[in-house]
Amino acid sequence: MEVTAFINLPVYTIWGKYIGEVRDVLIDVDEKRIDKLILTETNREIIEDGKDVAIPYRWVSAVGDIVLLSYFPEKVATRREEEEEEEEGGKK
C-alpha cells in the first residue's frame, strides 16, 4: 500500500466510534516505516474542540476502506493556555 492511499481515509475504533480522517502521514525516515497518522475533522465527543491529533501507527490494527484502531483513549483533552502559563510561571 502506498502512503498516499491513507490520505482522507476515515478512522474508527474497533468499537465503531468515528475518530477522524487521515490528513497526513509522518514517516520515520531512519526506520523506514510509518510513525504517526495526523487526523483532522475529529469527533468532538472524543477530542476536545475537534482539534487535529497525531496517533501512533502502532495503534492501527487494519487498513482498507477505513483505518481501524486497536486502541484510542475515551477522551482527549487539550491543554489550556492558563495551564501552560501556570506551568511556565512555576518553572521560572
C-alpha atoms as a PDB file:
ATOM      1  CA  MET A   1       0.000   0.000   0.000  1.00  0.00           C
ATOM      2  CA  GLU A   2       1.310   3.449  -0.864  1.00  0.00           C
ATOM      3  CA  VAL A   3       1.453   6.067   1.866  1.00  0.00           C
ATOM      4  CA  THR A   4      -0.727   8.425  -0.169  1.00  0.00           C
ATOM      5  CA  ALA A   5      -3.536   5.848  -0.021  1.00  0.00           C
ATOM      6  CA  PHE A   6      -4.018   6.745   3.674  1.00  0.00           C
ATOM      7  CA  ILE A   7      -4.991  10.348   2.898  1.00  0.00           C
ATOM      8  CA  ASN A   8      -8.707  11.047   3.518  1.00  0.00           C
ATOM      9  CA  LEU A   9      -9.422   7.572   4.913  1.00  0.00           C
ATOM     10  CA  PRO A  10     -11.901   7.620   7.812  1.00  0.00           C
ATOM     11  CA  VAL A  11     -10.553   6.320  11.127  1.00  0.00           C
ATOM     12  CA  TYR A  12     -12.630   4.255  13.576  1.00  0.00           C
ATOM     13  CA  THR A  13     -12.062   2.393  16.835  1.00  0.00           C
ATOM     14  CA  ILE A  14     -12.664  -1.342  16.993  1.00  0.00           C
ATOM     15  CA  TRP A  15     -15.916  -0.405  18.770  1.00  0.00           C
ATOM     16  CA  GLY A  16     -17.145   1.509  15.723  1.00  0.00           C
ATOM     17  CA  LYS A  17     -16.607   5.059  17.015  1.00  0.00           C
ATOM     18  CA  TYR A  18     -15.584   7.559  14.375  1.00  0.00           C
ATOM     19  CA  ILE A  19     -12.348   9.347  15.334  1.00  0.00           C
ATOM     20  CA  GLY A  20     -11.463  11.460  12.294  1.00  0.00           C
ATOM     21  CA  GLU A  21      -9.981  11.464   8.827  1.00  0.00           C
ATOM     22  CA  VAL A  22      -6.335  10.977   7.848  1.00  0.00           C
ATOM     23  CA  ARG A  23      -4.871  14.313   6.784  1.00  0.00           C
ATOM     24  CA  ASP A  24      -1.195  13.369   6.714  1.00  0.00           C
ATOM     25  CA  VAL A  25       1.253  10.556   7.370  1.00  0.00           C
ATOM     26  CA  LEU A  26       4.500  11.022   9.298  1.00  0.00           C
ATOM     27  CA  ILE A  27       7.356   8.767   8.274  1.00  0.00           C
ATOM     28  CA  ASP A  28      10.294   7.685  10.436  1.00  0.00           C
ATOM     29  CA  VAL A  29      12.938   8.003   7.749  1.00  0.00           C
ATOM     30  CA  ASP A  30      15.677   6.275   9.763  1.00  0.00           C
ATOM     31  CA  GLU A  31      13.494   3.229  10.456  1.00  0.00           C
ATOM     32  CA  LYS A  32      11.791   3.389   7.022  1.00  0.00           C
ATOM     33  CA  ARG A  33       8.302   2.991   8.461  1.00  0.00           C
ATOM     34  CA  ILE A  34       5.126   4.933   9.171  1.00  0.00           C
ATOM     35  CA  ASP A  35       5.402   6.629  12.552  1.00  0.00           C
ATOM     36  CA  LYS A  36       2.127   8.538  13.001  1.00  0.00           C
ATOM     37  CA  LEU A  37      -1.125   9.422  11.304  1.00  0.00           C
ATOM     38  CA  ILE A  38      -2.364  13.007  11.576  1.00  0.00           C
ATOM     39  CA  LEU A  39      -6.146  13.113  11.879  1.00  0.00           C
ATOM     40  CA  THR A  40      -8.395  16.046  11.059  1.00  0.00           C
ATOM     41  CA  GLU A  41     -12.155  16.635  11.242  1.00  0.00           C
ATOM     42  CA  THR A  42     -12.085  14.756  14.527  1.00  0.00           C
ATOM     43  CA  ASN A  43     -15.046  13.657  16.620  1.00  0.00           C
ATOM     44  CA  ARG A  44     -15.805  16.477  19.105  1.00  0.00           C
ATOM     45  CA  GLU A  45     -17.381  13.981  21.517  1.00  0.00           C
ATOM     46  CA  ILE A  46     -13.977  12.327  21.943  1.00  0.00           C
ATOM     47  CA  ILE A  47     -11.432  15.033  21.061  1.00  0.00           C
ATOM     48  CA  GLU A  48     -11.871  18.391  22.732  1.00  0.00           C
ATOM     49  CA  ASP A  49     -12.654  21.185  20.269  1.00  0.00           C
ATOM     50  CA  GLY A  50     -12.340  18.745  17.355  1.00  0.00           C
ATOM     51  CA  LYS A  51      -8.634  19.519  17.103  1.00  0.00           C
ATOM     52  CA  ASP A  52      -6.274  17.668  14.790  1.00  0.00           C
ATOM     53  CA  VAL A  53      -4.409  14.859  16.565  1.00  0.00           C
ATOM     54  CA  ALA A  54      -1.435  12.628  15.839  1.00  0.00           C
ATOM     55  CA  ILE A  55      -1.842   8.954  16.625  1.00  0.00           C
ATOM     56  CA  PRO A  56       0.962   6.396  16.768  1.00  0.00           C
ATOM     57  CA  TYR A  57       0.811   3.952  13.889  1.00  0.00           C
ATOM     58  CA  ARG A  58       1.188   1.086  16.368  1.00  0.00           C
ATOM     59  CA  TRP A  59      -2.465   1.725  17.336  1.00  0.00           C
ATOM     60  CA  VAL A  60      -3.587   0.781  13.804  1.00  0.00           C
ATOM     61  CA  SER A  61      -4.896  -2.763  13.564  1.00  0.00           C
ATOM     62  CA  ALA A  62      -6.209  -2.790   9.973  1.00  0.00           C
ATOM     63  CA  VAL A  63      -6.260  -0.627   6.856  1.00  0.00           C
ATOM     64  CA  GLY A  64      -8.633  -0.989   3.919  1.00  0.00           C
ATOM     65  CA  ASP A  65     -11.533   1.267   3.016  1.00  0.00           C
ATOM     66  CA  ILE A  66     -11.135   2.621   6.557  1.00  0.00           C
ATOM     67  CA  VAL A  67      -8.413   2.676   9.203  1.00  0.00           C
ATOM     68  CA  LEU A  68      -9.280   0.585  12.248  1.00  0.00           C
ATOM     69  CA  LEU A  69      -7.591   1.349  15.574  1.00  0.00           C
ATOM     70  CA  SER A  70      -6.920  -1.281  18.229  1.00  0.00           C
ATOM     71  CA  TYR A  71      -6.614   1.496  20.847  1.00  0.00           C
ATOM     72  CA  PHE A  72      -7.785   5.065  21.342  1.00  0.00           C
ATOM     73  CA  PRO A  73      -8.433   6.930  24.626  1.00  0.00           C
ATOM     74  CA  GLU A  74     -12.039   7.548  25.654  1.00  0.00           C
ATOM     75  CA  LYS A  75     -11.429  11.314  25.842  1.00  0.00           C
ATOM     76  CA  VAL A  76      -8.666  13.593  24.577  1.00  0.00           C
ATOM     77  CA  ALA A  77      -8.331  16.975  26.266  1.00  0.00           C
ATOM     78  CA  THR A  78      -6.175  19.837  25.056  1.00  0.00           C
ATOM     79  CA  ARG A  79      -4.041  21.903  27.360  1.00  0.00           C
ATOM     80  CA  ARG A  80      -5.470  25.288  28.172  1.00  0.00           C
ATOM     81  CA  GLU A  81      -3.425  28.473  27.840  1.00  0.00           C
ATOM     82  CA  GLU A  82      -3.889  29.201  31.546  1.00  0.00           C
ATOM     83  CA  GLU A  83      -2.423  25.822  32.481  1.00  0.00           C
ATOM     84  CA  GLU A  84       0.547  26.429  30.203  1.00  0.00           C
ATOM     85  CA  GLU A  85       1.115  29.891  31.714  1.00  0.00           C
ATOM     86  CA  GLU A  86       0.938  28.452  35.244  1.00  0.00           C
ATOM     87  CA  GLU A  87       3.481  25.782  34.340  1.00  0.00           C
ATOM     88  CA  GLU A  88       5.799  28.341  32.764  1.00  0.00           C
ATOM     89  CA  GLY A  89       5.428  30.627  35.781  1.00  0.00           C
ATOM     90  CA  GLY A  90       6.250  27.773  38.153  1.00  0.00           C
ATOM     91  CA  LYS A  91       9.419  26.903  36.229  1.00  0.00           C
ATOM     92  CA  LYS A  92      10.951  30.380  36.490  1.00  0.00           C
END
